[in-house]
PDB file of N, CA and C in Angstrom:
ATOM      1  N   MET A   1      34.130 -16.378  16.602  1.00  0.00           N
ATOM      2  CA  MET A   1      32.690 -16.337  16.518  1.00  0.00           C
ATOM      3  C   MET A   1      32.268 -16.829  15.132  1.00  0.00           C
ATOM      4  N   LEU A   2      31.327 -17.738  15.123  1.00  0.00           N
ATOM      5  CA  LEU A   2      30.815 -18.296  13.876  1.00  0.00           C
ATOM      6  C   LEU A   2      29.573 -17.515  13.460  1.00  0.00           C
ATOM      7  N   ILE A   3      29.562 -17.007  12.240  1.00  0.00           N
ATOM      8  CA  ILE A   3      28.410 -16.256  11.727  1.00  0.00           C
ATOM      9  C   ILE A   3      27.705 -17.128  10.708  1.00  0.00           C
ATOM     10  N   LYS A   4      26.434 -17.397  10.949  1.00  0.00           N
ATOM     11  CA  LYS A   4      25.644 -18.195  10.020  1.00  0.00           C
ATOM     12  C   LYS A   4      25.099 -17.313   8.909  1.00  0.00           C
ATOM     13  N   LYS A   5      25.017 -17.866   7.712  1.00  0.00           N
ATOM     14  CA  LYS A   5      24.447 -17.150   6.577  1.00  0.00           C
ATOM     15  C   LYS A   5      22.941 -16.990   6.788  1.00  0.00           C
ATOM     16  N   SER A   6      22.443 -15.808   6.566  1.00  0.00           N
ATOM     17  CA  SER A   6      21.024 -15.526   6.720  1.00  0.00           C
ATOM     18  C   SER A   6      20.221 -16.193   5.605  1.00  0.00           C
ATOM     19  N   LEU A   7      19.102 -16.793   5.977  1.00  0.00           N
ATOM     20  CA  LEU A   7      18.214 -17.396   4.983  1.00  0.00           C
ATOM     21  C   LEU A   7      17.602 -16.343   4.066  1.00  0.00           C
ATOM     22  N   LEU A   8      17.457 -15.138   4.580  1.00  0.00           N
ATOM     23  CA  LEU A   8      16.881 -14.068   3.758  1.00  0.00           C
ATOM     24  C   LEU A   8      17.779 -13.675   2.597  1.00  0.00           C
ATOM     25  N   SER A   9      19.072 -13.888   2.723  1.00  0.00           N
ATOM     26  CA  SER A   9      19.987 -13.507   1.643  1.00  0.00           C
ATOM     27  C   SER A   9      19.810 -14.376   0.406  1.00  0.00           C
ATOM     28  N   ASP A  10      19.158 -15.519   0.553  1.00  0.00           N
ATOM     29  CA  ASP A  10      18.919 -16.400  -0.589  1.00  0.00           C
ATOM     30  C   ASP A  10      17.652 -16.048  -1.365  1.00  0.00           C
ATOM     31  N   ILE A  11      16.827 -15.182  -0.808  1.00  0.00           N
ATOM     32  CA  ILE A  11      15.573 -14.821  -1.460  1.00  0.00           C
ATOM     33  C   ILE A  11      15.831 -13.771  -2.530  1.00  0.00           C
ATOM     34  N   LYS A  12      15.299 -14.019  -3.721  1.00  0.00           N
ATOM     35  CA  LYS A  12      15.462 -13.087  -4.832  1.00  0.00           C
ATOM     36  C   LYS A  12      14.659 -11.809  -4.567  1.00  0.00           C
ATOM     37  N   SER A  13      15.268 -10.673  -4.817  1.00  0.00           N
ATOM     38  CA  SER A  13      14.594  -9.386  -4.655  1.00  0.00           C
ATOM     39  C   SER A  13      13.901  -8.997  -5.953  1.00  0.00           C
ATOM     40  N   ASN A  14      12.737  -8.406  -5.824  1.00  0.00           N
ATOM     41  CA  ASN A  14      12.003  -7.898  -6.976  1.00  0.00           C
ATOM     42  C   ASN A  14      11.652  -6.439  -6.728  1.00  0.00           C
ATOM     43  N   TYR A  15      11.809  -5.635  -7.738  1.00  0.00           N
ATOM     44  CA  TYR A  15      11.468  -4.221  -7.665  1.00  0.00           C
ATOM     45  C   TYR A  15      10.499  -3.919  -8.790  1.00  0.00           C
ATOM     46  N   PHE A  16       9.606  -2.999  -8.551  1.00  0.00           N
ATOM     47  CA  PHE A  16       8.677  -2.622  -9.599  1.00  0.00           C
ATOM     48  C   PHE A  16       8.448  -1.123  -9.571  1.00  0.00           C
ATOM     49  N   LYS A  17       8.077  -0.614 -10.719  1.00  0.00           N
ATOM     50  CA  LYS A  17       7.828   0.822 -10.861  1.00  0.00           C
ATOM     51  C   LYS A  17       6.397   1.122 -10.422  1.00  0.00           C
ATOM     52  N   VAL A  18       6.260   2.107  -9.546  1.00  0.00           N
ATOM     53  CA  VAL A  18       4.942   2.510  -9.075  1.00  0.00           C
ATOM     54  C   VAL A  18       4.434   3.614  -9.991  1.00  0.00           C
ATOM     55  N   SER A  19       3.302   3.337 -10.651  1.00  0.00           N
ATOM     56  CA  SER A  19       2.773   4.317 -11.608  1.00  0.00           C
ATOM     57  C   SER A  19       1.494   4.995 -11.103  1.00  0.00           C
ATOM     58  N   THR A  20       0.999   4.558  -9.954  1.00  0.00           N
ATOM     59  CA  THR A  20      -0.198   5.172  -9.392  1.00  0.00           C
ATOM     60  C   THR A  20       0.057   5.576  -7.939  1.00  0.00           C
ATOM     61  N   LEU A  21      -0.725   6.507  -7.440  1.00  0.00           N
ATOM     62  CA  LEU A  21      -0.621   6.920  -6.048  1.00  0.00           C
ATOM     63  C   LEU A  21      -1.556   6.078  -5.192  1.00  0.00           C
ATOM     64  N   SER A  22      -1.220   5.962  -3.950  1.00  0.00           N
ATOM     65  CA  SER A  22      -2.023   5.191  -3.007  1.00  0.00           C
ATOM     66  C   SER A  22      -3.368   5.858  -2.752  1.00  0.00           C
ATOM     67  N   ASN A  23      -4.376   5.029  -2.550  1.00  0.00           N
ATOM     68  CA  ASN A  23      -5.689   5.535  -2.161  1.00  0.00           C
ATOM     69  C   ASN A  23      -5.971   5.212  -0.693  1.00  0.00           C
ATOM     70  N   HIS A  24      -4.953   4.769   0.021  1.00  0.00           N
ATOM     71  CA  HIS A  24      -5.096   4.441   1.446  1.00  0.00           C
ATOM     72  C   HIS A  24      -5.042   5.749   2.222  1.00  0.00           C
ATOM     73  N   ARG A  25      -6.195   6.216   2.656  1.00  0.00           N
ATOM     74  CA  ARG A  25      -6.321   7.564   3.209  1.00  0.00           C
ATOM     75  C   ARG A  25      -6.309   7.628   4.723  1.00  0.00           C
ATOM     76  N   ILE A  26      -6.101   6.516   5.412  1.00  0.00           N
ATOM     77  CA  ILE A  26      -6.145   6.556   6.872  1.00  0.00           C
ATOM     78  C   ILE A  26      -4.840   6.051   7.486  1.00  0.00           C
ATOM     79  N   ARG A  27      -3.769   6.506   6.967  1.00  0.00           N
ATOM     80  CA  ARG A  27      -2.462   6.141   7.512  1.00  0.00           C
ATOM     81  C   ARG A  27      -1.501   7.298   7.339  1.00  0.00           C
ATOM     82  N   LYS A  28      -0.428   7.229   8.054  1.00  0.00           N
ATOM     83  CA  LYS A  28       0.644   8.195   7.889  1.00  0.00           C
ATOM     84  C   LYS A  28       1.750   7.471   7.137  1.00  0.00           C
ATOM     85  N   ALA A  29       2.091   7.965   5.982  1.00  0.00           N
ATOM     86  CA  ALA A  29       3.036   7.283   5.092  1.00  0.00           C
ATOM     87  C   ALA A  29       4.343   8.051   4.996  1.00  0.00           C
ATOM     88  N   PRO A  30       5.428   7.330   4.703  1.00  0.00           N
ATOM     89  CA  PRO A  30       6.722   7.999   4.559  1.00  0.00           C
ATOM     90  C   PRO A  30       6.757   8.985   3.385  1.00  0.00           C
ATOM     91  N   SER A  31       5.995   8.698   2.331  1.00  0.00           N
ATOM     92  CA  SER A  31       5.963   9.603   1.181  1.00  0.00           C
ATOM     93  C   SER A  31       4.654   9.433   0.428  1.00  0.00           C
ATOM     94  N   ILE A  32       4.386  10.337  -0.472  1.00  0.00           N
ATOM     95  CA  ILE A  32       3.154  10.291  -1.260  1.00  0.00           C
ATOM     96  C   ILE A  32       3.142   9.091  -2.208  1.00  0.00           C
ATOM     97  N   THR A  33       4.297   8.537  -2.521  1.00  0.00           N
ATOM     98  CA  THR A  33       4.375   7.382  -3.423  1.00  0.00           C
ATOM     99  C   THR A  33       4.312   6.044  -2.694  1.00  0.00           C
ATOM    100  N   SER A  34       4.190   6.047  -1.367  1.00  0.00           N
ATOM    101  CA  SER A  34       4.098   4.803  -0.609  1.00  0.00           C
ATOM    102  C   SER A  34       2.753   4.130  -0.850  1.00  0.00           C
ATOM    103  N   LEU A  35       2.778   2.817  -1.001  1.00  0.00           N
ATOM    104  CA  LEU A  35       1.563   2.040  -1.216  1.00  0.00           C
ATOM    105  C   LEU A  35       1.247   1.212   0.020  1.00  0.00           C
ATOM    106  N   SER A  36      -0.032   0.906   0.210  1.00  0.00           N
ATOM    107  CA  SER A  36      -0.411  -0.054   1.239  1.00  0.00           C
ATOM    108  C   SER A  36       0.016  -1.442   0.761  1.00  0.00           C
ATOM    109  N   THR A  37      -0.028  -2.414   1.651  1.00  0.00           N
ATOM    110  CA  THR A  37       0.372  -3.775   1.275  1.00  0.00           C
ATOM    111  C   THR A  37      -0.502  -4.308   0.148  1.00  0.00           C
ATOM    112  N   VAL A  38      -1.817  -4.134   0.250  1.00  0.00           N
ATOM    113  CA  VAL A  38      -2.730  -4.615  -0.794  1.00  0.00           C
ATOM    114  C   VAL A  38      -2.431  -3.936  -2.123  1.00  0.00           C
ATOM    115  N   GLU A  39      -2.228  -2.640  -2.103  1.00  0.00           N
ATOM    116  CA  GLU A  39      -1.938  -1.907  -3.341  1.00  0.00           C
ATOM    117  C   GLU A  39      -0.611  -2.370  -3.954  1.00  0.00           C
ATOM    118  N   ALA A  40       0.378  -2.615  -3.130  1.00  0.00           N
ATOM    119  CA  ALA A  40       1.673  -3.079  -3.630  1.00  0.00           C
ATOM    120  C   ALA A  40       1.558  -4.460  -4.256  1.00  0.00           C
ATOM    121  N   ILE A  41       0.802  -5.349  -3.622  1.00  0.00           N
ATOM    122  CA  ILE A  41       0.617  -6.699  -4.173  1.00  0.00           C
ATOM    123  C   ILE A  41      -0.108  -6.641  -5.508  1.00  0.00           C
ATOM    124  N   VAL A  42      -1.187  -5.859  -5.590  1.00  0.00           N
ATOM    125  CA  VAL A  42      -1.932  -5.736  -6.845  1.00  0.00           C
ATOM    126  C   VAL A  42      -1.053  -5.120  -7.931  1.00  0.00           C
ATOM    127  N   THR A  43      -0.283  -4.098  -7.597  1.00  0.00           N
ATOM    128  CA  THR A  43       0.625  -3.470  -8.566  1.00  0.00           C
ATOM    129  C   THR A  43       1.632  -4.485  -9.094  1.00  0.00           C
ATOM    130  N   PHE A  44       2.216  -5.268  -8.194  1.00  0.00           N
ATOM    131  CA  PHE A  44       3.193  -6.277  -8.607  1.00  0.00           C
ATOM    132  C   PHE A  44       2.536  -7.332  -9.497  1.00  0.00           C
ATOM    133  N   LEU A  45       1.357  -7.829  -9.116  1.00  0.00           N
ATOM    134  CA  LEU A  45       0.670  -8.841  -9.927  1.00  0.00           C
ATOM    135  C   LEU A  45       0.292  -8.299 -11.301  1.00  0.00           C
ATOM    136  N   ARG A  46      -0.118  -7.047 -11.350  1.00  0.00           N
ATOM    137  CA  ARG A  46      -0.459  -6.442 -12.640  1.00  0.00           C
ATOM    138  C   ARG A  46       0.766  -6.321 -13.541  1.00  0.00           C
ATOM    139  N   GLN A  47       1.882  -5.898 -12.967  1.00  0.00           N
ATOM    140  CA  GLN A  47       3.087  -5.720 -13.785  1.00  0.00           C
ATOM    141  C   GLN A  47       3.665  -7.055 -14.244  1.00  0.00           C
ATOM    142  N   THR A  48       3.604  -8.065 -13.393  1.00  0.00           N
ATOM    143  CA  THR A  48       4.138  -9.371 -13.795  1.00  0.00           C
ATOM    144  C   THR A  48       3.166 -10.118 -14.690  1.00  0.00           C
ATOM    145  N   GLY A  49       1.861  -9.788 -14.583  1.00  0.00           N
ATOM    146  CA  GLY A  49       0.855 -10.450 -15.406  1.00  0.00           C
ATOM    147  C   GLY A  49       0.567  -9.729 -16.705  1.00  0.00           C
ATOM    148  N   GLY A  50       1.041  -8.496 -16.838  1.00  0.00           N
ATOM    149  CA  GLY A  50       0.836  -7.741 -18.070  1.00  0.00           C
ATOM    150  C   GLY A  50      -0.591  -7.263 -18.278  1.00  0.00           C
ATOM    151  N   ASN A  51      -1.363  -7.152 -17.203  1.00  0.00           N
ATOM    152  CA  ASN A  51      -2.760  -6.731 -17.320  1.00  0.00           C
ATOM    153  C   ASN A  51      -3.023  -5.630 -16.304  1.00  0.00           C
ATOM    154  N   ASP A  52      -3.323  -4.426 -16.776  1.00  0.00           N
ATOM    155  CA  ASP A  52      -3.529  -3.270 -15.889  1.00  0.00           C
ATOM    156  C   ASP A  52      -4.813  -3.337 -15.071  1.00  0.00           C
ATOM    157  N   GLN A  53      -5.732  -4.237 -15.410  1.00  0.00           N
ATOM    158  CA  GLN A  53      -6.995  -4.334 -14.669  1.00  0.00           C
ATOM    159  C   GLN A  53      -7.061  -5.572 -13.774  1.00  0.00           C
ATOM    160  N   LEU A  54      -5.992  -6.336 -13.739  1.00  0.00           N
ATOM    161  CA  LEU A  54      -5.942  -7.563 -12.947  1.00  0.00           C
ATOM    162  C   LEU A  54      -6.170  -7.259 -11.467  1.00  0.00           C
ATOM    163  N   HIS A  55      -7.033  -8.029 -10.833  1.00  0.00           N
ATOM    164  CA  HIS A  55      -7.310  -7.943  -9.389  1.00  0.00           C
ATOM    165  C   HIS A  55      -7.904  -6.607  -8.953  1.00  0.00           C
ATOM    166  N   GLN A  56      -8.653  -5.955  -9.818  1.00  0.00           N
ATOM    167  CA  GLN A  56      -9.305  -4.689  -9.467  1.00  0.00           C
ATOM    168  C   GLN A  56     -10.274  -4.875  -8.309  1.00  0.00           C
ATOM    169  N   SER A  57     -10.882  -6.052  -8.217  1.00  0.00           N
ATOM    170  CA  SER A  57     -11.845  -6.295  -7.139  1.00  0.00           C
ATOM    171  C   SER A  57     -11.197  -6.179  -5.758  1.00  0.00           C
ATOM    172  N   LEU A  58      -9.916  -6.539  -5.630  1.00  0.00           N
ATOM    173  CA  LEU A  58      -9.211  -6.370  -4.357  1.00  0.00           C
ATOM    174  C   LEU A  58      -9.115  -4.900  -3.966  1.00  0.00           C
ATOM    175  N   LEU A  59      -8.812  -4.059  -4.945  1.00  0.00           N
ATOM    176  CA  LEU A  59      -8.712  -2.624  -4.661  1.00  0.00           C
ATOM    177  C   LEU A  59     -10.075  -2.008  -4.371  1.00  0.00           C
ATOM    178  N   ASP A  60     -11.107  -2.503  -5.051  1.00  0.00           N
ATOM    179  CA  ASP A  60     -12.459  -1.990  -4.806  1.00  0.00           C
ATOM    180  C   ASP A  60     -12.904  -2.300  -3.372  1.00  0.00           C
ATOM    181  N   ILE A  61     -12.653  -3.517  -2.920  1.00  0.00           N
ATOM    182  CA  ILE A  61     -13.014  -3.899  -1.558  1.00  0.00           C
ATOM    183  C   ILE A  61     -12.195  -3.106  -0.549  1.00  0.00           C
ATOM    184  N   PHE A  62     -10.924  -2.921  -0.843  1.00  0.00           N
ATOM    185  CA  PHE A  62     -10.043  -2.144   0.031  1.00  0.00           C
ATOM    186  C   PHE A  62     -10.550  -0.705   0.165  1.00  0.00           C
ATOM    187  N   ASP A  63     -10.942  -0.096  -0.949  1.00  0.00           N
ATOM    188  CA  ASP A  63     -11.478   1.271  -0.926  1.00  0.00           C
ATOM    189  C   ASP A  63     -12.753   1.349  -0.081  1.00  0.00           C
ATOM    190  N   GLN A  64     -13.615   0.338  -0.178  1.00  0.00           N
ATOM    191  CA  GLN A  64     -14.835   0.307   0.622  1.00  0.00           C
ATOM    192  C   GLN A  64     -14.507   0.221   2.113  1.00  0.00           C
ATOM    193  N   LEU A  65     -13.511  -0.582   2.458  1.00  0.00           N
ATOM    194  CA  LEU A  65     -13.087  -0.705   3.849  1.00  0.00           C
ATOM    195  C   LEU A  65     -12.580   0.630   4.382  1.00  0.00           C
ATOM    196  N   VAL A  66     -11.755   1.303   3.611  1.00  0.00           N
ATOM    197  CA  VAL A  66     -11.218   2.608   4.017  1.00  0.00           C
ATOM    198  C   VAL A  66     -12.351   3.621   4.177  1.00  0.00           C
ATOM    199  N   ASP A  67     -13.288   3.636   3.228  1.00  0.00           N
ATOM    200  CA  ASP A  67     -14.434   4.552   3.325  1.00  0.00           C
ATOM    201  C   ASP A  67     -15.233   4.320   4.606  1.00  0.00           C
ATOM    202  N   LYS A  68     -15.458   3.052   4.957  1.00  0.00           N
ATOM    203  CA  LYS A  68     -16.210   2.730   6.170  1.00  0.00           C
ATOM    204  C   LYS A  68     -15.451   3.154   7.425  1.00  0.00           C
ATOM    205  N   GLN A  69     -14.140   2.990   7.423  1.00  0.00           N
ATOM    206  CA  GLN A  69     -13.350   3.406   8.579  1.00  0.00           C
ATOM    207  C   GLN A  69     -13.381   4.923   8.753  1.00  0.00           C
ATOM    208  N   ILE A  70     -13.288   5.646   7.657  1.00  0.00           N
ATOM    209  CA  ILE A  70     -13.356   7.112   7.714  1.00  0.00           C
ATOM    210  C   ILE A  70     -14.734   7.548   8.197  1.00  0.00           C
ATOM    211  N   SER A  71     -15.779   6.919   7.709  1.00  0.00           N
ATOM    212  CA  SER A  71     -17.135   7.246   8.131  1.00  0.00           C
ATOM    213  C   SER A  71     -17.327   6.982   9.626  1.00  0.00           C
ATOM    214  N   ALA A  72     -16.768   5.884  10.120  1.00  0.00           N
ATOM    215  CA  ALA A  72     -16.911   5.526  11.529  1.00  0.00           C
ATOM    216  C   ALA A  72     -16.182   6.500  12.449  1.00  0.00           C
ATOM    217  N   MET A  73     -15.042   7.020  12.001  1.00  0.00           N
ATOM    218  CA  MET A  73     -14.290   7.936  12.865  1.00  0.00           C
ATOM    219  C   MET A  73     -14.822   9.361  12.797  1.00  0.00           C
ATOM    220  N   GLY A  74     -15.529   9.684  11.736  1.00  0.00           N
ATOM    221  CA  GLY A  74     -16.080  11.025  11.583  1.00  0.00           C
ATOM    222  C   GLY A  74     -15.136  11.940  10.804  1.00  0.00           C
ATOM    223  N   LYS A  75     -15.738  12.908  10.138  1.00  0.00           N
ATOM    224  CA  LYS A  75     -15.005  13.830   9.268  1.00  0.00           C
ATOM    225  C   LYS A  75     -13.967  14.659  10.024  1.00  0.00           C
ATOM    226  N   THR A  76     -14.314  15.135  11.210  1.00  0.00           N
ATOM    227  CA  THR A  76     -13.412  15.993  11.981  1.00  0.00           C
ATOM    228  C   THR A  76     -12.149  15.253  12.396  1.00  0.00           C
ATOM    229  N   ILE A  77     -12.301  14.058  12.922  1.00  0.00           N
ATOM    230  CA  ILE A  77     -11.140  13.267  13.351  1.00  0.00           C
ATOM    231  C   ILE A  77     -10.282  12.895  12.149  1.00  0.00           C
ATOM    232  N   TYR A  78     -10.935  12.498  11.048  1.00  0.00           N
ATOM    233  CA  TYR A  78     -10.186  12.154   9.837  1.00  0.00           C
ATOM    234  C   TYR A  78      -9.356  13.345   9.364  1.00  0.00           C
ATOM    235  N   GLN A  79      -9.964  14.511   9.258  1.00  0.00           N
ATOM    236  CA  GLN A  79      -9.244  15.686   8.777  1.00  0.00           C
ATOM    237  C   GLN A  79      -8.095  16.065   9.707  1.00  0.00           C
ATOM    238  N   LYS A  80      -8.313  15.965  11.002  1.00  0.00           N
ATOM    239  CA  LYS A  80      -7.293  16.340  11.975  1.00  0.00           C
ATOM    240  C   LYS A  80      -6.104  15.381  11.956  1.00  0.00           C
ATOM    241  N   ASN A  81      -6.366  14.091  11.876  1.00  0.00           N
ATOM    242  CA  ASN A  81      -5.312  13.095  12.057  1.00  0.00           C
ATOM    243  C   ASN A  81      -4.722  12.500  10.780  1.00  0.00           C
ATOM    244  N   TYR A  82      -5.442  12.559   9.670  1.00  0.00           N
ATOM    245  CA  TYR A  82      -4.974  11.829   8.493  1.00  0.00           C
ATOM    246  C   TYR A  82      -4.866  12.640   7.205  1.00  0.00           C
ATOM    247  N   LEU A  83      -5.628  13.684   7.063  1.00  0.00           N
ATOM    248  CA  LEU A  83      -5.652  14.397   5.790  1.00  0.00           C
ATOM    249  C   LEU A  83      -4.289  15.030   5.496  1.00  0.00           C
ATOM    250  N   ASN A  84      -3.678  14.614   4.405  1.00  0.00           N
ATOM    251  CA  ASN A  84      -2.386  15.126   3.944  1.00  0.00           C
ATOM    252  C   ASN A  84      -1.274  14.986   4.962  1.00  0.00           C
ATOM    253  N   LYS A  85      -1.246  13.879   5.688  1.00  0.00           N
ATOM    254  CA  LYS A  85      -0.191  13.615   6.669  1.00  0.00           C
ATOM    255  C   LYS A  85       0.785  12.599   6.084  1.00  0.00           C
ATOM    256  N   PHE A  86       2.028  13.002   6.018  1.00  0.00           N
ATOM    257  CA  PHE A  86       3.099  12.108   5.589  1.00  0.00           C
ATOM    258  C   PHE A  86       4.235  12.238   6.577  1.00  0.00           C
ATOM    259  N   CYS A  87       4.838  11.109   6.908  1.00  0.00           N
ATOM    260  CA  CYS A  87       5.990  11.123   7.810  1.00  0.00           C
ATOM    261  C   CYS A  87       7.190  11.665   7.059  1.00  0.00           C
ATOM    262  N   THR A  88       8.068  12.332   7.754  1.00  0.00           N
ATOM    263  CA  THR A  88       9.272  12.850   7.097  1.00  0.00           C
ATOM    264  C   THR A  88      10.512  12.270   7.716  1.00  0.00           C
TER     265      THR A  88
END
C-alpha cells in the first residue's frame, strides 16, 4: 500500500498565548479559555503585530452581533441554554 504525504504536514504551526477570556456568550465551549474564531484571529494578529488594540473594531462588531442574538432569543432561553455552559 502506497501512503501519500499529507499536504497539511507541510504547513507551519503557530501557537499563541491567550491572555484574555472569550466574550462569545452564545456557545458551548470546551473550556473557559476557548476563543471564538474571530477572537482567535484578532489575538493572533495583535500578538504578531505587537499592538494590543489592533483590529478592535472586529471585536466590537462581534460583540454587537452576540448582543443582538441574545436579545432575539430572550433572557430566559439564553440563561437556560448558554449561561455558564462549558463542554467537559
